[in-house]
Amino acid sequence: MALSVSALVLFGIICFIFIRNKQLKTGHFILAALFGFMLNQSTAAKPIQDFLSQIAKSISSIAS
């Protein structure tokens, strides 16, 4: 759960920076957010979550 929240915060910050620099319009941000919510409900959500978990474990093992 912590990985999901951290990834959500990270992507939120990136989107905020793009909007602030006028590289990502508000409409694009809304579309990206809706895509994320729809992707979460699809069958691709489990493999993506597993992939992100493996990356987090790899980074954790390298850092320690």
PDB file of N, CA and C in Angstrom:
ATOM      1  N   MET A   1       0.822  -1.194   0.000  1.00  0.00           N
ATOM      2  CA  MET A   1       0.000   0.000   0.000  1.00  0.00           C
ATOM      3  C   MET A   1       0.864   1.256   0.000  1.00  0.00           C
ATOM      4  N   ALA A   2       1.972   1.228   0.717  1.00  0.00           N
ATOM      5  CA  ALA A   2       2.831   2.401   0.778  1.00  0.00           C
ATOM      6  C   ALA A   2       3.399   2.743  -0.597  1.00  0.00           C
ATOM      7  N   LEU A   3       3.692   1.721  -1.396  1.00  0.00           N
ATOM      8  CA  LEU A   3       4.218   1.959  -2.738  1.00  0.00           C
ATOM      9  C   LEU A   3       3.176   2.663  -3.598  1.00  0.00           C
ATOM     10  N   SER A   4       1.936   2.250  -3.501  1.00  0.00           N
ATOM     11  CA  SER A   4       0.872   2.868  -4.293  1.00  0.00           C
ATOM     12  C   SER A   4       0.701   4.334  -3.926  1.00  0.00           C
ATOM     13  N   VAL A   5       0.699   4.622  -2.641  1.00  0.00           N
ATOM     14  CA  VAL A   5       0.543   6.006  -2.207  1.00  0.00           C
ATOM     15  C   VAL A   5       1.746   6.823  -2.650  1.00  0.00           C
ATOM     16  N   SER A   6       2.940   6.284  -2.511  1.00  0.00           N
ATOM     17  CA  SER A   6       4.138   7.010  -2.911  1.00  0.00           C
ATOM     18  C   SER A   6       4.150   7.268  -4.417  1.00  0.00           C
ATOM     19  N   ALA A   7       3.773   6.275  -5.207  1.00  0.00           N
ATOM     20  CA  ALA A   7       3.723   6.462  -6.653  1.00  0.00           C
ATOM     21  C   ALA A   7       2.666   7.490  -7.017  1.00  0.00           C
ATOM     22  N   LEU A   8       1.528   7.453  -6.336  1.00  0.00           N
ATOM     23  CA  LEU A   8       0.479   8.418  -6.598  1.00  0.00           C
ATOM     24  C   LEU A   8       0.953   9.836  -6.303  1.00  0.00           C
ATOM     25  N   VAL A   9       1.631  10.014  -5.181  1.00  0.00           N
ATOM     26  CA  VAL A   9       2.153  11.334  -4.830  1.00  0.00           C
ATOM     27  C   VAL A   9       3.200  11.787  -5.841  1.00  0.00           C
ATOM     28  N   LEU A  10       4.089  10.879  -6.245  1.00  0.00           N
ATOM     29  CA  LEU A  10       5.124  11.207  -7.219  1.00  0.00           C
ATOM     30  C   LEU A  10       4.519  11.662  -8.545  1.00  0.00           C
ATOM     31  N   PHE A  11       3.556  10.887  -9.065  1.00  0.00           N
ATOM     32  CA  PHE A  11       2.928  11.258 -10.324  1.00  0.00           C
ATOM     33  C   PHE A  11       2.128  12.548 -10.187  1.00  0.00           C
ATOM     34  N   GLY A  12       1.524  12.768  -9.027  1.00  0.00           N
ATOM     35  CA  GLY A  12       0.810  14.019  -8.790  1.00  0.00           C
ATOM     36  C   GLY A  12       1.740  15.223  -8.821  1.00  0.00           C
ATOM     37  N   ILE A  13       2.901  15.074  -8.214  1.00  0.00           N
ATOM     38  CA  ILE A  13       3.890  16.160  -8.214  1.00  0.00           C
ATOM     39  C   ILE A  13       4.391  16.429  -9.626  1.00  0.00           C
ATOM     40  N   ILE A  14       4.664  15.357 -10.386  1.00  0.00           N
ATOM     41  CA  ILE A  14       5.125  15.532 -11.765  1.00  0.00           C
ATOM     42  C   ILE A  14       4.072  16.248 -12.598  1.00  0.00           C
ATOM     43  N   CYS A  15       2.815  15.841 -12.458  1.00  0.00           N
ATOM     44  CA  CYS A  15       1.741  16.512 -13.202  1.00  0.00           C
ATOM     45  C   CYS A  15       1.624  17.979 -12.789  1.00  0.00           C
ATOM     46  N   PHE A  16       1.766  18.258 -11.485  1.00  0.00           N
ATOM     47  CA  PHE A  16       1.691  19.639 -11.005  1.00  0.00           C
ATOM     48  C   PHE A  16       2.811  20.482 -11.623  1.00  0.00           C
ATOM     49  N   ILE A  17       4.012  19.929 -11.688  1.00  0.00           N
ATOM     50  CA  ILE A  17       5.142  20.665 -12.272  1.00  0.00           C
ATOM     51  C   ILE A  17       4.885  20.941 -13.752  1.00  0.00           C
ATOM     52  N   PHE A  18       4.374  19.941 -14.486  1.00  0.00           N
ATOM     53  CA  PHE A  18       4.077  20.150 -15.899  1.00  0.00           C
ATOM     54  C   PHE A  18       3.007  21.220 -16.095  1.00  0.00           C
ATOM     55  N   ILE A  19       1.988  21.213 -15.250  1.00  0.00           N
ATOM     56  CA  ILE A  19       0.940  22.239 -15.364  1.00  0.00           C
ATOM     57  C   ILE A  19       1.521  23.609 -15.042  1.00  0.00           C
ATOM     58  N   ARG A  20       2.360  23.674 -14.020  1.00  0.00           N
ATOM     59  CA  ARG A  20       2.952  24.952 -13.610  1.00  0.00           C
ATOM     60  C   ARG A  20       3.843  25.528 -14.714  1.00  0.00           C
ATOM     61  N   ASN A  21       4.565  24.653 -15.416  1.00  0.00           N
ATOM     62  CA  ASN A  21       5.434  25.101 -16.501  1.00  0.00           C
ATOM     63  C   ASN A  21       4.697  25.204 -17.835  1.00  0.00           C
ATOM     64  N   LYS A  22       3.403  24.989 -17.791  1.00  0.00           N
ATOM     65  CA  LYS A  22       2.535  25.071 -18.970  1.00  0.00           C
ATOM     66  C   LYS A  22       2.925  24.076 -20.056  1.00  0.00           C
ATOM     67  N   GLN A  23       3.484  22.939 -19.638  1.00  0.00           N
ATOM     68  CA  GLN A  23       3.801  21.877 -20.576  1.00  0.00           C
ATOM     69  C   GLN A  23       2.693  20.833 -20.615  1.00  0.00           C
ATOM     70  N   LEU A  24       1.844  20.834 -19.610  1.00  0.00           N
ATOM     71  CA  LEU A  24       0.718  19.897 -19.554  1.00  0.00           C
ATOM     72  C   LEU A  24      -0.521  20.720 -19.233  1.00  0.00           C
ATOM     73  N   LYS A  25      -1.434  20.767 -20.149  1.00  0.00           N
ATOM     74  CA  LYS A  25      -2.651  21.548 -19.951  1.00  0.00           C
ATOM     75  C   LYS A  25      -3.572  20.841 -18.970  1.00  0.00           C
ATOM     76  N   THR A  26      -4.491  21.567 -18.407  1.00  0.00           N
ATOM     77  CA  THR A  26      -5.412  21.021 -17.416  1.00  0.00           C
ATOM     78  C   THR A  26      -6.233  19.872 -17.997  1.00  0.00           C
ATOM     79  N   GLY A  27      -6.669  20.002 -19.230  1.00  0.00           N
ATOM     80  CA  GLY A  27      -7.431  18.939 -19.873  1.00  0.00           C
ATOM     81  C   GLY A  27      -6.631  17.658 -20.003  1.00  0.00           C
ATOM     82  N   HIS A  28      -5.341  17.787 -20.317  1.00  0.00           N
ATOM     83  CA  HIS A  28      -4.471  16.616 -20.416  1.00  0.00           C
ATOM     84  C   HIS A  28      -4.282  15.966 -19.043  1.00  0.00           C
ATOM     85  N   PHE A  29      -4.177  16.805 -18.012  1.00  0.00           N
ATOM     86  CA  PHE A  29      -4.031  16.281 -16.657  1.00  0.00           C
ATOM     87  C   PHE A  29      -5.266  15.478 -16.249  1.00  0.00           C
ATOM     88  N   ILE A  30      -6.432  16.003 -16.542  1.00  0.00           N
ATOM     89  CA  ILE A  30      -7.676  15.297 -16.216  1.00  0.00           C
ATOM     90  C   ILE A  30      -7.749  13.981 -16.976  1.00  0.00           C
ATOM     91  N   LEU A  31      -7.378  14.006 -18.240  1.00  0.00           N
ATOM     92  CA  LEU A  31      -7.377  12.788 -19.046  1.00  0.00           C
ATOM     93  C   LEU A  31      -6.402  11.753 -18.483  1.00  0.00           C
ATOM     94  N   ALA A  32      -5.220  12.191 -18.072  1.00  0.00           N
ATOM     95  CA  ALA A  32      -4.232  11.275 -17.491  1.00  0.00           C
ATOM     96  C   ALA A  32      -4.744  10.680 -16.178  1.00  0.00           C
ATOM     97  N   ALA A  33      -5.395  11.483 -15.358  1.00  0.00           N
ATOM     98  CA  ALA A  33      -5.939  10.991 -14.095  1.00  0.00           C
ATOM     99  C   ALA A  33      -7.053   9.977 -14.337  1.00  0.00           C
ATOM    100  N   LEU A  34      -7.940  10.267 -15.263  1.00  0.00           N
ATOM    101  CA  LEU A  34      -9.017   9.329 -15.578  1.00  0.00           C
ATOM    102  C   LEU A  34      -8.466   8.034 -16.151  1.00  0.00           C
ATOM    103  N   PHE A  35      -7.434   8.127 -16.986  1.00  0.00           N
ATOM    104  CA  PHE A  35      -6.806   6.933 -17.541  1.00  0.00           C
ATOM    105  C   PHE A  35      -6.229   6.070 -16.415  1.00  0.00           C
ATOM    106  N   GLY A  36      -5.598   6.707 -15.447  1.00  0.00           N
ATOM    107  CA  GLY A  36      -5.041   5.974 -14.311  1.00  0.00           C
ATOM    108  C   GLY A  36      -6.112   5.240 -13.518  1.00  0.00           C
ATOM    109  N   PHE A  37      -7.233   5.906 -13.270  1.00  0.00           N
ATOM    110  CA  PHE A  37      -8.315   5.254 -12.540  1.00  0.00           C
ATOM    111  C   PHE A  37      -8.903   4.092 -13.336  1.00  0.00           C
ATOM    112  N   MET A  38      -9.055   4.258 -14.636  1.00  0.00           N
ATOM    113  CA  MET A  38      -9.592   3.180 -15.465  1.00  0.00           C
ATOM    114  C   MET A  38      -8.599   2.024 -15.570  1.00  0.00           C
ATOM    115  N   LEU A  39      -7.310   2.339 -15.663  1.00  0.00           N
ATOM    116  CA  LEU A  39      -6.286   1.301 -15.735  1.00  0.00           C
ATOM    117  C   LEU A  39      -6.265   0.489 -14.447  1.00  0.00           C
ATOM    118  N   ASN A  40      -6.513   1.143 -13.331  1.00  0.00           N
ATOM    119  CA  ASN A  40      -6.539   0.455 -12.046  1.00  0.00           C
ATOM    120  C   ASN A  40      -7.641  -0.598 -11.990  1.00  0.00           C
ATOM    121  N   GLN A  41      -8.726  -0.395 -12.703  1.00  0.00           N
ATOM    122  CA  GLN A  41      -9.844  -1.325 -12.689  1.00  0.00           C
ATOM    123  C   GLN A  41      -9.736  -2.386 -13.779  1.00  0.00           C
ATOM    124  N   SER A  42      -8.730  -2.313 -14.616  1.00  0.00           N
ATOM    125  CA  SER A  42      -8.597  -3.267 -15.718  1.00  0.00           C
ATOM    126  C   SER A  42      -7.827  -4.504 -15.276  1.00  0.00           C
ATOM    127  N   THR A  43      -7.729  -5.462 -16.174  1.00  0.00           N
ATOM    128  CA  THR A  43      -6.975  -6.687 -15.883  1.00  0.00           C
ATOM    129  C   THR A  43      -5.469  -6.443 -15.905  1.00  0.00           C
ATOM    130  N   ALA A  44      -5.047  -5.313 -16.435  1.00  0.00           N
ATOM    131  CA  ALA A  44      -3.618  -5.002 -16.475  1.00  0.00           C
ATOM    132  C   ALA A  44      -3.107  -4.466 -15.144  1.00  0.00           C
ATOM    133  N   ALA A  45      -3.991  -4.187 -14.208  1.00  0.00           N
ATOM    134  CA  ALA A  45      -3.578  -3.590 -12.941  1.00  0.00           C
ATOM    135  C   ALA A  45      -2.669  -4.513 -12.137  1.00  0.00           C
ATOM    136  N   LYS A  46      -2.982  -5.793 -12.078  1.00  0.00           N
ATOM    137  CA  LYS A  46      -2.190  -6.747 -11.286  1.00  0.00           C
ATOM    138  C   LYS A  46      -0.760  -6.902 -11.832  1.00  0.00           C
ATOM    139  N   PRO A  47      -0.572  -7.114 -13.141  1.00  0.00           N
ATOM    140  CA  PRO A  47       0.819  -7.205 -13.635  1.00  0.00           C
ATOM    141  C   PRO A  47       1.609  -5.903 -13.444  1.00  0.00           C
ATOM    142  N   ILE A  48       0.952  -4.775 -13.597  1.00  0.00           N
ATOM    143  CA  ILE A  48       1.641  -3.497 -13.400  1.00  0.00           C
ATOM    144  C   ILE A  48       2.055  -3.348 -11.948  1.00  0.00           C
ATOM    145  N   GLN A  49       1.156  -3.696 -11.024  1.00  0.00           N
ATOM    146  CA  GLN A  49       1.467  -3.610  -9.596  1.00  0.00           C
ATOM    147  C   GLN A  49       2.610  -4.552  -9.240  1.00  0.00           C
ATOM    148  N   ASP A  50       2.591  -5.765  -9.796  1.00  0.00           N
ATOM    149  CA  ASP A  50       3.682  -6.715  -9.545  1.00  0.00           C
ATOM    150  C   ASP A  50       5.012  -6.181 -10.066  1.00  0.00           C
ATOM    151  N   PHE A  51       4.994  -5.584 -11.257  1.00  0.00           N
ATOM    152  CA  PHE A  51       6.203  -5.013 -11.851  1.00  0.00           C
ATOM    153  C   PHE A  51       6.756  -3.883 -10.975  1.00  0.00           C
ATOM    154  N   LEU A  52       5.877  -2.994 -10.518  1.00  0.00           N
ATOM    155  CA  LEU A  52       6.317  -1.886  -9.664  1.00  0.00           C
ATOM    156  C   LEU A  52       6.840  -2.391  -8.324  1.00  0.00           C
ATOM    157  N   SER A  53       6.232  -3.442  -7.797  1.00  0.00           N
ATOM    158  CA  SER A  53       6.712  -4.026  -6.543  1.00  0.00           C
ATOM    159  C   SER A  53       8.108  -4.607  -6.708  1.00  0.00           C
ATOM    160  N   GLN A  54       8.356  -5.275  -7.839  1.00  0.00           N
ATOM    161  CA  GLN A  54       9.680  -5.840  -8.093  1.00  0.00           C
ATOM    162  C   GLN A  54      10.737  -4.739  -8.231  1.00  0.00           C
ATOM    163  N   ILE A  55      10.365  -3.658  -8.887  1.00  0.00           N
ATOM    164  CA  ILE A  55      11.299  -2.528  -9.014  1.00  0.00           C
ATOM    165  C   ILE A  55      11.606  -1.937  -7.648  1.00  0.00           C
ATOM    166  N   ALA A  56      10.582  -1.778  -6.809  1.00  0.00           N
ATOM    167  CA  ALA A  56      10.787  -1.237  -5.474  1.00  0.00           C
ATOM    168  C   ALA A  56      11.681  -2.149  -4.633  1.00  0.00           C
ATOM    169  N   LYS A  57      11.475  -3.462  -4.753  1.00  0.00           N
ATOM    170  CA  LYS A  57      12.321  -4.418  -4.008  1.00  0.00           C
ATOM    171  C   LYS A  57      13.768  -4.344  -4.501  1.00  0.00           C
ATOM    172  N   SER A  58      13.951  -4.208  -5.816  1.00  0.00           N
ATOM    173  CA  SER A  58      15.296  -4.115  -6.371  1.00  0.00           C
ATOM    174  C   SER A  58      16.011  -2.860  -5.881  1.00  0.00           C
ATOM    175  N   ILE A  59      15.314  -1.754  -5.913  1.00  0.00           N
ATOM    176  CA  ILE A  59      15.912  -0.492  -5.441  1.00  0.00           C
ATOM    177  C   ILE A  59      16.208  -0.569  -3.959  1.00  0.00           C
ATOM    178  N   SER A  60      15.306  -1.180  -3.209  1.00  0.00           N
ATOM    179  CA  SER A  60      15.508  -1.333  -1.778  1.00  0.00           C
ATOM    180  C   SER A  60      16.728  -2.192  -1.467  1.00  0.00           C
ATOM    181  N   SER A  61      16.895  -3.272  -2.217  1.00  0.00           N
ATOM    182  CA  SER A  61      18.050  -4.145  -1.971  1.00  0.00           C
ATOM    183  C   SER A  61      19.358  -3.487  -2.381  1.00  0.00           C
ATOM    184  N   ILE A  62      19.335  -2.657  -3.400  1.00  0.00           N
ATOM    185  CA  ILE A  62      20.540  -1.938  -3.817  1.00  0.00           C
ATOM    186  C   ILE A  62      20.895  -0.866  -2.797  1.00  0.00           C
ATOM    187  N   ALA A  63      19.873  -0.171  -2.265  1.00  0.00           N
ATOM    188  CA  ALA A  63      20.098   0.929  -1.326  1.00  0.00           C
ATOM    189  C   ALA A  63      20.590   0.440   0.024  1.00  0.00           C
ATOM    190  N   SER A  64      20.241  -0.805   0.420  1.00  0.00           N
ATOM    191  CA  SER A  64      20.663  -1.254   1.744  1.00  0.00           C
ATOM    192  C   SER A  64      21.916  -2.064   1.752  1.00  0.00           C
TER     193      SER A  64
END
